[in-house]
Amino acid sequence: MRKLVTGLSVWAIASKSAFAESIGQPQQSSLPSFLMLGALLLVFYFMLIRPQMRRTKEQRELMNSLEKGDEVMTSSGIYGKISKMEESTITLTIANGVDIKIQKQAIANMLPKGSVTEA
């Protein structure tokens, strides 16, 4: 037990002297740290935030350009022709006599005319 107390007191004295020595030294500039943080934020913006904003804008433009008769593909991979549009839903004709009702947000792509063939 005595060795432990002696060891702790030696460690405390050594850490005090190390702290006292560091007080007299000039502090390093924090500019490199701020520059690194700024560079990290720029990389984060251009790699994550900006591409997501672009995809959101493209999706919004696609939703606004949809019209009756357009051929589309849903996010689940269903191809169909728009037969009816409401405020937030679309009715797709995927085969003769087969209509499904989906949300507008489920449209992933607009296809060229003639892509969807009816059975």
PDB file of N, CA and C in Angstrom:
ATOM      1  N   MET A   1       0.829  -1.184   0.000  1.00  0.00           N
ATOM      2  CA  MET A   1       0.000   0.000   0.000  1.00  0.00           C
ATOM      3  C   MET A   1       0.876   1.250   0.000  1.00  0.00           C
ATOM      4  N   ARG A   2       1.968   1.176   0.744  1.00  0.00           N
ATOM      5  CA  ARG A   2       2.869   2.313   0.831  1.00  0.00           C
ATOM      6  C   ARG A   2       3.502   2.611  -0.536  1.00  0.00           C
ATOM      7  N   LYS A   3       3.792   1.554  -1.323  1.00  0.00           N
ATOM      8  CA  LYS A   3       4.379   1.740  -2.643  1.00  0.00           C
ATOM      9  C   LYS A   3       3.388   2.444  -3.577  1.00  0.00           C
ATOM     10  N   LEU A   4       2.115   2.086  -3.453  1.00  0.00           N
ATOM     11  CA  LEU A   4       1.082   2.706  -4.277  1.00  0.00           C
ATOM     12  C   LEU A   4       0.966   4.190  -3.989  1.00  0.00           C
ATOM     13  N   VAL A   5       0.939   4.556  -2.710  1.00  0.00           N
ATOM     14  CA  VAL A   5       0.849   5.962  -2.317  1.00  0.00           C
ATOM     15  C   VAL A   5       2.083   6.714  -2.790  1.00  0.00           C
ATOM     16  N   THR A   6       3.253   6.129  -2.646  1.00  0.00           N
ATOM     17  CA  THR A   6       4.480   6.771  -3.090  1.00  0.00           C
ATOM     18  C   THR A   6       4.480   6.953  -4.608  1.00  0.00           C
ATOM     19  N   GLY A   7       4.023   5.927  -5.319  1.00  0.00           N
ATOM     20  CA  GLY A   7       3.955   6.002  -6.783  1.00  0.00           C
ATOM     21  C   GLY A   7       2.983   7.085  -7.239  1.00  0.00           C
ATOM     22  N   LEU A   8       1.847   7.206  -6.572  1.00  0.00           N
ATOM     23  CA  LEU A   8       0.868   8.229  -6.932  1.00  0.00           C
ATOM     24  C   LEU A   8       1.404   9.625  -6.652  1.00  0.00           C
ATOM     25  N   SER A   9       2.116   9.779  -5.549  1.00  0.00           N
ATOM     26  CA  SER A   9       2.642  11.109  -5.232  1.00  0.00           C
ATOM     27  C   SER A   9       3.727  11.506  -6.231  1.00  0.00           C
ATOM     28  N   VAL A  10       4.565  10.563  -6.662  1.00  0.00           N
ATOM     29  CA  VAL A  10       5.585  10.859  -7.670  1.00  0.00           C
ATOM     30  C   VAL A  10       4.909  11.253  -8.980  1.00  0.00           C
ATOM     31  N   TRP A  11       3.861  10.538  -9.366  1.00  0.00           N
ATOM     32  CA  TRP A  11       3.132  10.842 -10.603  1.00  0.00           C
ATOM     33  C   TRP A  11       2.484  12.231 -10.527  1.00  0.00           C
ATOM     34  N   ALA A  12       1.922  12.583  -9.369  1.00  0.00           N
ATOM     35  CA  ALA A  12       1.287  13.890  -9.197  1.00  0.00           C
ATOM     36  C   ALA A  12       2.309  15.007  -9.304  1.00  0.00           C
ATOM     37  N   ILE A  13       3.475  14.822  -8.728  1.00  0.00           N
ATOM     38  CA  ILE A  13       4.522  15.846  -8.789  1.00  0.00           C
ATOM     39  C   ILE A  13       5.026  15.996 -10.222  1.00  0.00           C
ATOM     40  N   ALA A  14       5.192  14.874 -10.924  1.00  0.00           N
ATOM     41  CA  ALA A  14       5.680  14.912 -12.309  1.00  0.00           C
ATOM     42  C   ALA A  14       4.661  15.613 -13.215  1.00  0.00           C
ATOM     43  N   SER A  15       3.370  15.340 -13.003  1.00  0.00           N
ATOM     44  CA  SER A  15       2.358  15.976 -13.851  1.00  0.00           C
ATOM     45  C   SER A  15       2.260  17.462 -13.553  1.00  0.00           C
ATOM     46  N   LYS A  16       2.475  17.867 -12.280  1.00  0.00           N
ATOM     47  CA  LYS A  16       2.476  19.291 -11.931  1.00  0.00           C
ATOM     48  C   LYS A  16       3.614  20.016 -12.623  1.00  0.00           C
ATOM     49  N   SER A  17       4.779  19.400 -12.632  1.00  0.00           N
ATOM     50  CA  SER A  17       5.925  20.058 -13.254  1.00  0.00           C
ATOM     51  C   SER A  17       5.742  20.118 -14.772  1.00  0.00           C
ATOM     52  N   ALA A  18       5.152  19.106 -15.358  1.00  0.00           N
ATOM     53  CA  ALA A  18       4.893  19.130 -16.799  1.00  0.00           C
ATOM     54  C   ALA A  18       3.889  20.226 -17.134  1.00  0.00           C
ATOM     55  N   PHE A  19       2.889  20.411 -16.295  1.00  0.00           N
ATOM     56  CA  PHE A  19       1.901  21.467 -16.512  1.00  0.00           C
ATOM     57  C   PHE A  19       2.549  22.836 -16.371  1.00  0.00           C
ATOM     58  N   ALA A  20       3.426  22.974 -15.368  1.00  0.00           N
ATOM     59  CA  ALA A  20       4.112  24.242 -15.140  1.00  0.00           C
ATOM     60  C   ALA A  20       5.011  24.586 -16.318  1.00  0.00           C
ATOM     61  N   GLU A  21       5.655  23.588 -16.910  1.00  0.00           N
ATOM     62  CA  GLU A  21       6.507  23.832 -18.070  1.00  0.00           C
ATOM     63  C   GLU A  21       5.687  24.266 -19.283  1.00  0.00           C
ATOM     64  N   SER A  22       4.506  23.699 -19.424  1.00  0.00           N
ATOM     65  CA  SER A  22       3.687  24.027 -20.592  1.00  0.00           C
ATOM     66  C   SER A  22       3.084  25.427 -20.496  1.00  0.00           C
ATOM     67  N   ILE A  23       2.985  25.980 -19.304  1.00  0.00           N
ATOM     68  CA  ILE A  23       2.422  27.323 -19.140  1.00  0.00           C
ATOM     69  C   ILE A  23       3.360  28.363 -19.746  1.00  0.00           C
ATOM     70  N   GLY A  24       4.645  28.175 -19.608  1.00  0.00           N
ATOM     71  CA  GLY A  24       5.608  29.133 -20.097  1.00  0.00           C
ATOM     72  C   GLY A  24       5.776  29.106 -21.613  1.00  0.00           C
ATOM     73  N   GLN A  25       5.356  28.043 -22.267  1.00  0.00           N
ATOM     74  CA  GLN A  25       5.531  27.921 -23.719  1.00  0.00           C
ATOM     75  C   GLN A  25       4.410  28.635 -24.461  1.00  0.00           C
ATOM     76  N   PRO A  26       4.723  29.204 -25.619  1.00  0.00           N
ATOM     77  CA  PRO A  26       3.658  29.834 -26.414  1.00  0.00           C
ATOM     78  C   PRO A  26       2.716  28.765 -26.974  1.00  0.00           C
ATOM     79  N   GLN A  27       1.444  29.095 -27.018  1.00  0.00           N
ATOM     80  CA  GLN A  27       0.463  28.132 -27.512  1.00  0.00           C
ATOM     81  C   GLN A  27       0.493  28.082 -29.027  1.00  0.00           C
ATOM     82  N   GLN A  28       0.162  26.925 -29.546  1.00  0.00           N
ATOM     83  CA  GLN A  28       0.126  26.750 -30.992  1.00  0.00           C
ATOM     84  C   GLN A  28      -1.120  27.419 -31.542  1.00  0.00           C
ATOM     85  N   SER A  29      -1.048  27.805 -32.802  1.00  0.00           N
ATOM     86  CA  SER A  29      -2.175  28.453 -33.458  1.00  0.00           C
ATOM     87  C   SER A  29      -3.298  27.446 -33.700  1.00  0.00           C
ATOM     88  N   SER A  30      -4.525  27.899 -33.561  1.00  0.00           N
ATOM     89  CA  SER A  30      -5.670  27.020 -33.825  1.00  0.00           C
ATOM     90  C   SER A  30      -6.145  27.154 -35.267  1.00  0.00           C
ATOM     91  N   LEU A  31      -5.455  27.958 -36.068  1.00  0.00           N
ATOM     92  CA  LEU A  31      -5.836  28.157 -37.466  1.00  0.00           C
ATOM     93  C   LEU A  31      -5.856  26.860 -38.275  1.00  0.00           C
ATOM     94  N   PRO A  32      -4.833  25.990 -38.171  1.00  0.00           N
ATOM     95  CA  PRO A  32      -4.899  24.728 -38.940  1.00  0.00           C
ATOM     96  C   PRO A  32      -6.113  23.871 -38.576  1.00  0.00           C
ATOM     97  N   SER A  33      -6.504  23.897 -37.316  1.00  0.00           N
ATOM     98  CA  SER A  33      -7.681  23.116 -36.907  1.00  0.00           C
ATOM     99  C   SER A  33      -8.946  23.661 -37.555  1.00  0.00           C
ATOM    100  N   PHE A  34      -9.067  24.993 -37.589  1.00  0.00           N
ATOM    101  CA  PHE A  34     -10.239  25.594 -38.217  1.00  0.00           C
ATOM    102  C   PHE A  34     -10.246  25.369 -39.723  1.00  0.00           C
ATOM    103  N   LEU A  35      -9.072  25.429 -40.339  1.00  0.00           N
ATOM    104  CA  LEU A  35      -8.996  25.164 -41.782  1.00  0.00           C
ATOM    105  C   LEU A  35      -9.397  23.728 -42.104  1.00  0.00           C
ATOM    106  N   MET A  36      -8.958  22.785 -41.278  1.00  0.00           N
ATOM    107  CA  MET A  36      -9.316  21.379 -41.490  1.00  0.00           C
ATOM    108  C   MET A  36     -10.814  21.171 -41.303  1.00  0.00           C
ATOM    109  N   LEU A  37     -11.388  21.825 -40.307  1.00  0.00           N
ATOM    110  CA  LEU A  37     -12.829  21.728 -40.086  1.00  0.00           C
ATOM    111  C   LEU A  37     -13.598  22.317 -41.262  1.00  0.00           C
ATOM    112  N   GLY A  38     -13.136  23.463 -41.768  1.00  0.00           N
ATOM    113  CA  GLY A  38     -13.778  24.085 -42.927  1.00  0.00           C
ATOM    114  C   GLY A  38     -13.683  23.210 -44.157  1.00  0.00           C
ATOM    115  N   ALA A  39     -12.525  22.585 -44.383  1.00  0.00           N
ATOM    116  CA  ALA A  39     -12.358  21.685 -45.528  1.00  0.00           C
ATOM    117  C   ALA A  39     -13.277  20.480 -45.393  1.00  0.00           C
ATOM    118  N   LEU A  40     -13.405  19.958 -44.199  1.00  0.00           N
ATOM    119  CA  LEU A  40     -14.292  18.819 -43.966  1.00  0.00           C
ATOM    120  C   LEU A  40     -15.749  19.187 -44.244  1.00  0.00           C
ATOM    121  N   LEU A  41     -16.158  20.366 -43.827  1.00  0.00           N
ATOM    122  CA  LEU A  41     -17.527  20.818 -44.085  1.00  0.00           C
ATOM    123  C   LEU A  41     -17.779  21.006 -45.583  1.00  0.00           C
ATOM    124  N   LEU A  42     -16.792  21.533 -46.303  1.00  0.00           N
ATOM    125  CA  LEU A  42     -16.940  21.691 -47.758  1.00  0.00           C
ATOM    126  C   LEU A  42     -17.080  20.334 -48.455  1.00  0.00           C
ATOM    127  N   VAL A  43     -16.260  19.391 -48.070  1.00  0.00           N
ATOM    128  CA  VAL A  43     -16.347  18.045 -48.651  1.00  0.00           C
ATOM    129  C   VAL A  43     -17.709  17.437 -48.339  1.00  0.00           C
ATOM    130  N   PHE A  44     -18.150  17.589 -47.110  1.00  0.00           N
ATOM    131  CA  PHE A  44     -19.456  17.065 -46.704  1.00  0.00           C
ATOM    132  C   PHE A  44     -20.567  17.679 -47.552  1.00  0.00           C
ATOM    133  N   TYR A  45     -20.501  18.996 -47.791  1.00  0.00           N
ATOM    134  CA  TYR A  45     -21.523  19.675 -48.586  1.00  0.00           C
ATOM    135  C   TYR A  45     -21.539  19.163 -50.021  1.00  0.00           C
ATOM    136  N   PHE A  46     -20.373  19.114 -50.650  1.00  0.00           N
ATOM    137  CA  PHE A  46     -20.326  18.742 -52.067  1.00  0.00           C
ATOM    138  C   PHE A  46     -20.521  17.250 -52.297  1.00  0.00           C
ATOM    139  N   MET A  47     -20.262  16.405 -51.326  1.00  0.00           N
ATOM    140  CA  MET A  47     -20.414  14.964 -51.512  1.00  0.00           C
ATOM    141  C   MET A  47     -21.784  14.446 -51.072  1.00  0.00           C
ATOM    142  N   LEU A  48     -22.439  15.107 -50.131  1.00  0.00           N
ATOM    143  CA  LEU A  48     -23.695  14.582 -49.609  1.00  0.00           C
ATOM    144  C   LEU A  48     -24.884  15.515 -49.802  1.00  0.00           C
ATOM    145  N   ILE A  49     -24.767  16.743 -49.375  1.00  0.00           N
ATOM    146  CA  ILE A  49     -25.923  17.639 -49.354  1.00  0.00           C
ATOM    147  C   ILE A  49     -26.312  18.085 -50.753  1.00  0.00           C
ATOM    148  N   ARG A  50     -25.353  18.561 -51.540  1.00  0.00           N
ATOM    149  CA  ARG A  50     -25.661  19.086 -52.874  1.00  0.00           C
ATOM    150  C   ARG A  50     -26.260  18.027 -53.807  1.00  0.00           C
ATOM    151  N   PRO A  51     -25.708  16.806 -53.891  1.00  0.00           N
ATOM    152  CA  PRO A  51     -26.339  15.797 -54.755  1.00  0.00           C
ATOM    153  C   PRO A  51     -27.763  15.445 -54.316  1.00  0.00           C
ATOM    154  N   GLN A  52     -28.011  15.423 -53.014  1.00  0.00           N
ATOM    155  CA  GLN A  52     -29.360  15.121 -52.533  1.00  0.00           C
ATOM    156  C   GLN A  52     -30.331  16.225 -52.924  1.00  0.00           C
ATOM    157  N   MET A  53     -29.904  17.484 -52.848  1.00  0.00           N
ATOM    158  CA  MET A  53     -30.774  18.589 -53.251  1.00  0.00           C
ATOM    159  C   MET A  53     -31.074  18.503 -54.750  1.00  0.00           C
ATOM    160  N   ARG A  54     -30.088  18.106 -55.555  1.00  0.00           N
ATOM    161  CA  ARG A  54     -30.294  17.977 -56.993  1.00  0.00           C
ATOM    162  C   ARG A  54     -31.294  16.861 -57.305  1.00  0.00           C
ATOM    163  N   ARG A  55     -31.173  15.715 -56.621  1.00  0.00           N
ATOM    164  CA  ARG A  55     -32.125  14.612 -56.844  1.00  0.00           C
ATOM    165  C   ARG A  55     -33.540  15.028 -56.438  1.00  0.00           C
ATOM    166  N   THR A  56     -33.660  15.763 -55.345  1.00  0.00           N
ATOM    167  CA  THR A  56     -34.976  16.233 -54.899  1.00  0.00           C
ATOM    168  C   THR A  56     -35.585  17.173 -55.933  1.00  0.00           C
ATOM    169  N   LYS A  57     -34.778  18.060 -56.491  1.00  0.00           N
ATOM    170  CA  LYS A  57     -35.252  18.995 -57.508  1.00  0.00           C
ATOM    171  C   LYS A  57     -35.697  18.248 -58.765  1.00  0.00           C
ATOM    172  N   GLU A  58     -34.915  17.263 -59.200  1.00  0.00           N
ATOM    173  CA  GLU A  58     -35.291  16.471 -60.381  1.00  0.00           C
ATOM    174  C   GLU A  58     -36.595  15.716 -60.143  1.00  0.00           C
ATOM    175  N   GLN A  59     -36.779  15.146 -58.960  1.00  0.00           N
ATOM    176  CA  GLN A  59     -38.007  14.410 -58.642  1.00  0.00           C
ATOM    177  C   GLN A  59     -39.206  15.348 -58.638  1.00  0.00           C
ATOM    178  N   ARG A  60     -39.038  16.546 -58.082  1.00  0.00           N
ATOM    179  CA  ARG A  60     -40.120  17.532 -58.058  1.00  0.00           C
ATOM    180  C   ARG A  60     -40.507  17.938 -59.482  1.00  0.00           C
ATOM    181  N   GLU A  61     -39.501  18.158 -60.352  1.00  0.00           N
ATOM    182  CA  GLU A  61     -39.778  18.511 -61.747  1.00  0.00           C
ATOM    183  C   GLU A  61     -40.494  17.377 -62.473  1.00  0.00           C
ATOM    184  N   LEU A  62     -40.115  16.137 -62.185  1.00  0.00           N
ATOM    185  CA  LEU A  62     -40.787  14.985 -62.792  1.00  0.00           C
ATOM    186  C   LEU A  62     -42.250  14.934 -62.366  1.00  0.00           C
ATOM    187  N   MET A  63     -42.526  15.155 -61.076  1.00  0.00           N
ATOM    188  CA  MET A  63     -43.902  15.126 -60.579  1.00  0.00           C
ATOM    189  C   MET A  63     -44.754  16.216 -61.237  1.00  0.00           C
ATOM    190  N   ASN A  64     -44.168  17.386 -61.447  1.00  0.00           N
ATOM    191  CA  ASN A  64     -44.911  18.492 -62.048  1.00  0.00           C
ATOM    192  C   ASN A  64     -45.141  18.299 -63.550  1.00  0.00           C
ATOM    193  N   SER A  65     -44.317  17.513 -64.213  1.00  0.00           N
ATOM    194  CA  SER A  65     -44.443  17.348 -65.657  1.00  0.00           C
ATOM    195  C   SER A  65     -45.315  16.153 -66.065  1.00  0.00           C
ATOM    196  N   LEU A  66     -45.789  15.368 -65.114  1.00  0.00           N
ATOM    197  CA  LEU A  66     -46.607  14.200 -65.455  1.00  0.00           C
ATOM    198  C   LEU A  66     -47.955  14.615 -66.025  1.00  0.00           C
ATOM    199  N   GLU A  67     -48.384  13.888 -67.073  1.00  0.00           N
ATOM    200  CA  GLU A  67     -49.681  14.136 -67.707  1.00  0.00           C
ATOM    201  C   GLU A  67     -50.350  12.802 -68.013  1.00  0.00           C
ATOM    202  N   LYS A  68     -51.634  12.871 -68.258  1.00  0.00           N
ATOM    203  CA  LYS A  68     -52.389  11.677 -68.640  1.00  0.00           C
ATOM    204  C   LYS A  68     -51.830  11.163 -69.964  1.00  0.00           C
ATOM    205  N   GLY A  69     -51.610   9.861 -70.048  1.00  0.00           N
ATOM    206  CA  GLY A  69     -51.074   9.233 -71.256  1.00  0.00           C
ATOM    207  C   GLY A  69     -49.572   8.999 -71.201  1.00  0.00           C
ATOM    208  N   ASP A  70     -48.869   9.584 -70.230  1.00  0.00           N
ATOM    209  CA  ASP A  70     -47.430   9.354 -70.098  1.00  0.00           C
ATOM    210  C   ASP A  70     -47.169   7.920 -69.657  1.00  0.00           C
ATOM    211  N   GLU A  71     -46.073   7.378 -70.157  1.00  0.00           N
ATOM    212  CA  GLU A  71     -45.669   6.032 -69.762  1.00  0.00           C
ATOM    213  C   GLU A  71     -44.569   6.168 -68.710  1.00  0.00           C
ATOM    214  N   VAL A  72     -44.778   5.472 -67.592  1.00  0.00           N
ATOM    215  CA  VAL A  72     -43.885   5.645 -66.443  1.00  0.00           C
ATOM    216  C   VAL A  72     -43.499   4.299 -65.846  1.00  0.00           C
ATOM    217  N   MET A  73     -42.464   4.348 -65.006  1.00  0.00           N
ATOM    218  CA  MET A  73     -42.063   3.189 -64.211  1.00  0.00           C
ATOM    219  C   MET A  73     -42.109   3.607 -62.747  1.00  0.00           C
ATOM    220  N   THR A  74     -42.675   2.764 -61.900  1.00  0.00           N
ATOM    221  CA  THR A  74     -42.747   3.075 -60.476  1.00  0.00           C
ATOM    222  C   THR A  74     -41.446   2.672 -59.796  1.00  0.00           C
ATOM    223  N   SER A  75     -41.285   3.084 -58.561  1.00  0.00           N
ATOM    224  CA  SER A  75     -40.081   2.736 -57.805  1.00  0.00           C
ATOM    225  C   SER A  75     -40.008   1.239 -57.509  1.00  0.00           C
ATOM    226  N   SER A  76     -41.129   0.547 -57.611  1.00  0.00           N
ATOM    227  CA  SER A  76     -41.122  -0.906 -57.406  1.00  0.00           C
ATOM    228  C   SER A  76     -40.950  -1.669 -58.717  1.00  0.00           C
ATOM    229  N   GLY A  77     -40.784  -0.950 -59.838  1.00  0.00           N
ATOM    230  CA  GLY A  77     -40.498  -1.608 -61.112  1.00  0.00           C
ATOM    231  C   GLY A  77     -41.707  -1.914 -61.967  1.00  0.00           C
ATOM    232  N   ILE A  78     -42.865  -1.364 -61.649  1.00  0.00           N
ATOM    233  CA  ILE A  78     -44.077  -1.608 -62.441  1.00  0.00           C
ATOM    234  C   ILE A  78     -44.143  -0.575 -63.562  1.00  0.00           C
ATOM    235  N   TYR A  79     -44.310  -1.075 -64.795  1.00  0.00           N
ATOM    236  CA  TYR A  79     -44.452  -0.195 -65.953  1.00  0.00           C
ATOM    237  C   TYR A  79     -45.930   0.003 -66.233  1.00  0.00           C
ATOM    238  N   GLY A  80     -46.316   1.216 -66.621  1.00  0.00           N
ATOM    239  CA  GLY A  80     -47.712   1.458 -66.952  1.00  0.00           C
ATOM    240  C   GLY A  80     -47.909   2.807 -67.599  1.00  0.00           C
ATOM    241  N   LYS A  81     -49.150   3.030 -68.035  1.00  0.00           N
ATOM    242  CA  LYS A  81     -49.528   4.280 -68.674  1.00  0.00           C
ATOM    243  C   LYS A  81     -50.495   4.997 -67.744  1.00  0.00           C
ATOM    244  N   ILE A  82     -50.284   6.297 -67.562  1.00  0.00           N
ATOM    245  CA  ILE A  82     -51.145   7.072 -66.670  1.00  0.00           C
ATOM    246  C   ILE A  82     -52.513   7.226 -67.323  1.00  0.00           C
ATOM    247  N   SER A  83     -53.556   6.753 -66.613  1.00  0.00           N
ATOM    248  CA  SER A  83     -54.904   6.871 -67.147  1.00  0.00           C
ATOM    249  C   SER A  83     -55.744   7.905 -66.405  1.00  0.00           C
ATOM    250  N   LYS A  84     -55.359   8.213 -65.182  1.00  0.00           N
ATOM    251  CA  LYS A  84     -56.108   9.191 -64.395  1.00  0.00           C
ATOM    252  C   LYS A  84     -55.169   9.809 -63.369  1.00  0.00           C
ATOM    253  N   MET A  85     -55.290  11.138 -63.204  1.00  0.00           N
ATOM    254  CA  MET A  85     -54.449  11.828 -62.214  1.00  0.00           C
ATOM    255  C   MET A  85     -55.322  12.586 -61.233  1.00  0.00           C
ATOM    256  N   GLU A  86     -54.989  12.458 -59.971  1.00  0.00           N
ATOM    257  CA  GLU A  86     -55.631  13.234 -58.920  1.00  0.00           C
ATOM    258  C   GLU A  86     -54.554  14.050 -58.235  1.00  0.00           C
ATOM    259  N   GLU A  87     -54.911  14.708 -57.152  1.00  0.00           N
ATOM    260  CA  GLU A  87     -53.957  15.593 -56.485  1.00  0.00           C
ATOM    261  C   GLU A  87     -52.708  14.860 -56.014  1.00  0.00           C
ATOM    262  N   SER A  88     -52.876  13.745 -55.327  1.00  0.00           N
ATOM    263  CA  SER A  88     -51.711  13.034 -54.791  1.00  0.00           C
ATOM    264  C   SER A  88     -51.609  11.592 -55.272  1.00  0.00           C
ATOM    265  N   THR A  89     -52.563  11.147 -56.093  1.00  0.00           N
ATOM    266  CA  THR A  89     -52.523   9.767 -56.578  1.00  0.00           C
ATOM    267  C   THR A  89     -52.627   9.732 -58.104  1.00  0.00           C
ATOM    268  N   ILE A  90     -52.183   8.625 -58.640  1.00  0.00           N
ATOM    269  CA  ILE A  90     -52.220   8.387 -60.088  1.00  0.00           C
ATOM    270  C   ILE A  90     -52.777   6.983 -60.302  1.00  0.00           C
ATOM    271  N   THR A  91     -53.607   6.833 -61.324  1.00  0.00           N
ATOM    272  CA  THR A  91     -54.093   5.515 -61.717  1.00  0.00           C
ATOM    273  C   THR A  91     -53.305   5.083 -62.944  1.00  0.00           C
ATOM    274  N   LEU A  92     -52.636   3.935 -62.828  1.00  0.00           N
ATOM    275  CA  LEU A  92     -51.840   3.400 -63.923  1.00  0.00           C
ATOM    276  C   LEU A  92     -52.555   2.224 -64.552  1.00  0.00           C
ATOM    277  N   THR A  93     -52.563   2.181 -65.873  1.00  0.00           N
ATOM    278  CA  THR A  93     -53.055   1.010 -66.596  1.00  0.00           C
ATOM    279  C   THR A  93     -51.826   0.173 -66.911  1.00  0.00           C
ATOM    280  N   ILE A  94     -51.770  -1.032 -66.332  1.00  0.00           N
ATOM    281  CA  ILE A  94     -50.600  -1.886 -66.539  1.00  0.00           C
ATOM    282  C   ILE A  94     -50.900  -3.023 -67.515  1.00  0.00           C
ATOM    283  N   ALA A  95     -52.155  -3.274 -67.795  1.00  0.00           N
ATOM    284  CA  ALA A  95     -52.581  -4.258 -68.794  1.00  0.00           C
ATOM    285  C   ALA A  95     -54.035  -3.933 -69.134  1.00  0.00           C
ATOM    286  N   ASN A  96     -54.569  -4.575 -70.158  1.00  0.00           N
ATOM    287  CA  ASN A  96     -55.967  -4.343 -70.521  1.00  0.00           C
ATOM    288  C   ASN A  96     -56.870  -4.690 -69.348  1.00  0.00           C
ATOM    289  N   GLY A  97     -57.613  -3.703 -68.854  1.00  0.00           N
ATOM    290  CA  GLY A  97     -58.552  -3.922 -67.754  1.00  0.00           C
ATOM    291  C   GLY A  97     -57.899  -4.002 -66.388  1.00  0.00           C
ATOM    292  N   VAL A  98     -56.613  -3.760 -66.285  1.00  0.00           N
ATOM    293  CA  VAL A  98     -55.933  -3.827 -65.000  1.00  0.00           C
ATOM    294  C   VAL A  98     -55.386  -2.436 -64.674  1.00  0.00           C
ATOM    295  N   ASP A  99     -56.030  -1.784 -63.718  1.00  0.00           N
ATOM    296  CA  ASP A  99     -55.606  -0.461 -63.280  1.00  0.00           C
ATOM    297  C   ASP A  99     -55.183  -0.539 -61.819  1.00  0.00           C
ATOM    298  N   ILE A 100     -54.133   0.178 -61.501  1.00  0.00           N
ATOM    299  CA  ILE A 100     -53.708   0.264 -60.100  1.00  0.00           C
ATOM    300  C   ILE A 100     -53.604   1.733 -59.723  1.00  0.00           C
ATOM    301  N   LYS A 101     -53.866   2.006 -58.457  1.00  0.00           N
ATOM    302  CA  LYS A 101     -53.805   3.370 -57.946  1.00  0.00           C
ATOM    303  C   LYS A 101     -52.575   3.480 -57.041  1.00  0.00           C
ATOM    304  N   ILE A 102     -51.710   4.444 -57.351  1.00  0.00           N
ATOM    305  CA  ILE A 102     -50.476   4.622 -56.586  1.00  0.00           C
ATOM    306  C   ILE A 102     -50.307   6.093 -56.214  1.00  0.00           C
ATOM    307  N   GLN A 103     -49.414   6.369 -55.288  1.00  0.00           N
ATOM    308  CA  GLN A 103     -49.085   7.748 -54.945  1.00  0.00           C
ATOM    309  C   GLN A 103     -48.147   8.317 -56.000  1.00  0.00           C
ATOM    310  N   LYS A 104     -48.222   9.624 -56.195  1.00  0.00           N
ATOM    311  CA  LYS A 104     -47.357  10.284 -57.174  1.00  0.00           C
ATOM    312  C   LYS A 104     -45.881  10.071 -56.858  1.00  0.00           C
ATOM    313  N   GLN A 105     -45.530  10.057 -55.589  1.00  0.00           N
ATOM    314  CA  GLN A 105     -44.132   9.916 -55.202  1.00  0.00           C
ATOM    315  C   GLN A 105     -43.546   8.567 -55.587  1.00  0.00           C
ATOM    316  N   ALA A 106     -44.397   7.603 -55.931  1.00  0.00           N
ATOM    317  CA  ALA A 106     -43.907   6.279 -56.300  1.00  0.00           C
ATOM    318  C   ALA A 106     -43.397   6.223 -57.738  1.00  0.00           C
ATOM    319  N   ILE A 107     -43.596   7.281 -58.514  1.00  0.00           N
ATOM    320  CA  ILE A 107     -43.111   7.310 -59.889  1.00  0.00           C
ATOM    321  C   ILE A 107     -41.606   7.558 -59.855  1.00  0.00           C
ATOM    322  N   ALA A 108     -40.842   6.663 -60.482  1.00  0.00           N
ATOM    323  CA  ALA A 108     -39.387   6.789 -60.488  1.00  0.00           C
ATOM    324  C   ALA A 108     -38.879   7.406 -61.783  1.00  0.00           C
ATOM    325  N   ASN A 109     -39.419   6.982 -62.918  1.00  0.00           N
ATOM    326  CA  ASN A 109     -38.929   7.450 -64.216  1.00  0.00           C
ATOM    327  C   ASN A 109     -40.078   7.622 -65.193  1.00  0.00           C
ATOM    328  N   MET A 110     -39.883   8.558 -66.120  1.00  0.00           N
ATOM    329  CA  MET A 110     -40.809   8.687 -67.237  1.00  0.00           C
ATOM    330  C   MET A 110     -40.150   7.974 -68.422  1.00  0.00           C
ATOM    331  N   LEU A 111     -40.905   7.151 -69.113  1.00  0.00           N
ATOM    332  CA  LEU A 111     -40.369   6.358 -70.211  1.00  0.00           C
ATOM    333  C   LEU A 111     -40.718   6.988 -71.562  1.00  0.00           C
ATOM    334  N   PRO A 112     -39.937   6.676 -72.603  1.00  0.00           N
ATOM    335  CA  PRO A 112     -40.287   7.164 -73.933  1.00  0.00           C
ATOM    336  C   PRO A 112     -41.600   6.548 -74.410  1.00  0.00           C
ATOM    337  N   LYS A 113     -42.329   7.277 -75.249  1.00  0.00           N
ATOM    338  CA  LYS A 113     -43.594   6.765 -75.787  1.00  0.00           C
ATOM    339  C   LYS A 113     -43.362   5.449 -76.520  1.00  0.00           C
ATOM    340  N   GLY A 114     -44.258   4.505 -76.329  1.00  0.00           N
ATOM    341  CA  GLY A 114     -44.154   3.199 -76.975  1.00  0.00           C
ATOM    342  C   GLY A 114     -43.392   2.165 -76.159  1.00  0.00           C
ATOM    343  N   SER A 115     -42.921   2.541 -74.997  1.00  0.00           N
ATOM    344  CA  SER A 115     -42.158   1.588 -74.163  1.00  0.00           C
ATOM    345  C   SER A 115     -43.054   0.555 -73.521  1.00  0.00           C
ATOM    346  N   VAL A 116     -44.262   0.965 -73.173  1.00  0.00           N
ATOM    347  CA  VAL A 116     -45.180   0.062 -72.489  1.00  0.00           C
ATOM    348  C   VAL A 116     -46.080  -0.583 -73.527  1.00  0.00           C
ATOM    349  N   THR A 117     -46.033  -1.907 -73.582  1.00  0.00           N
ATOM    350  CA  THR A 117     -46.903  -2.648 -74.495  1.00  0.00           C
ATOM    351  C   THR A 117     -48.007  -3.315 -73.684  1.00  0.00           C
ATOM    352  N   GLU A 118     -49.213  -3.212 -74.171  1.00  0.00           N
ATOM    353  CA  GLU A 118     -50.345  -3.812 -73.463  1.00  0.00           C
ATOM    354  C   GLU A 118     -50.571  -5.217 -73.954  1.00  0.00           C
ATOM    355  N   ALA A 119     -50.870  -6.118 -73.038  1.00  0.00           N
ATOM    356  CA  ALA A 119     -51.092  -7.522 -73.377  1.00  0.00           C
ATOM    357  C   ALA A 119     -52.449  -7.734 -73.986  1.00  0.00           C
TER     358      ALA A 119
END
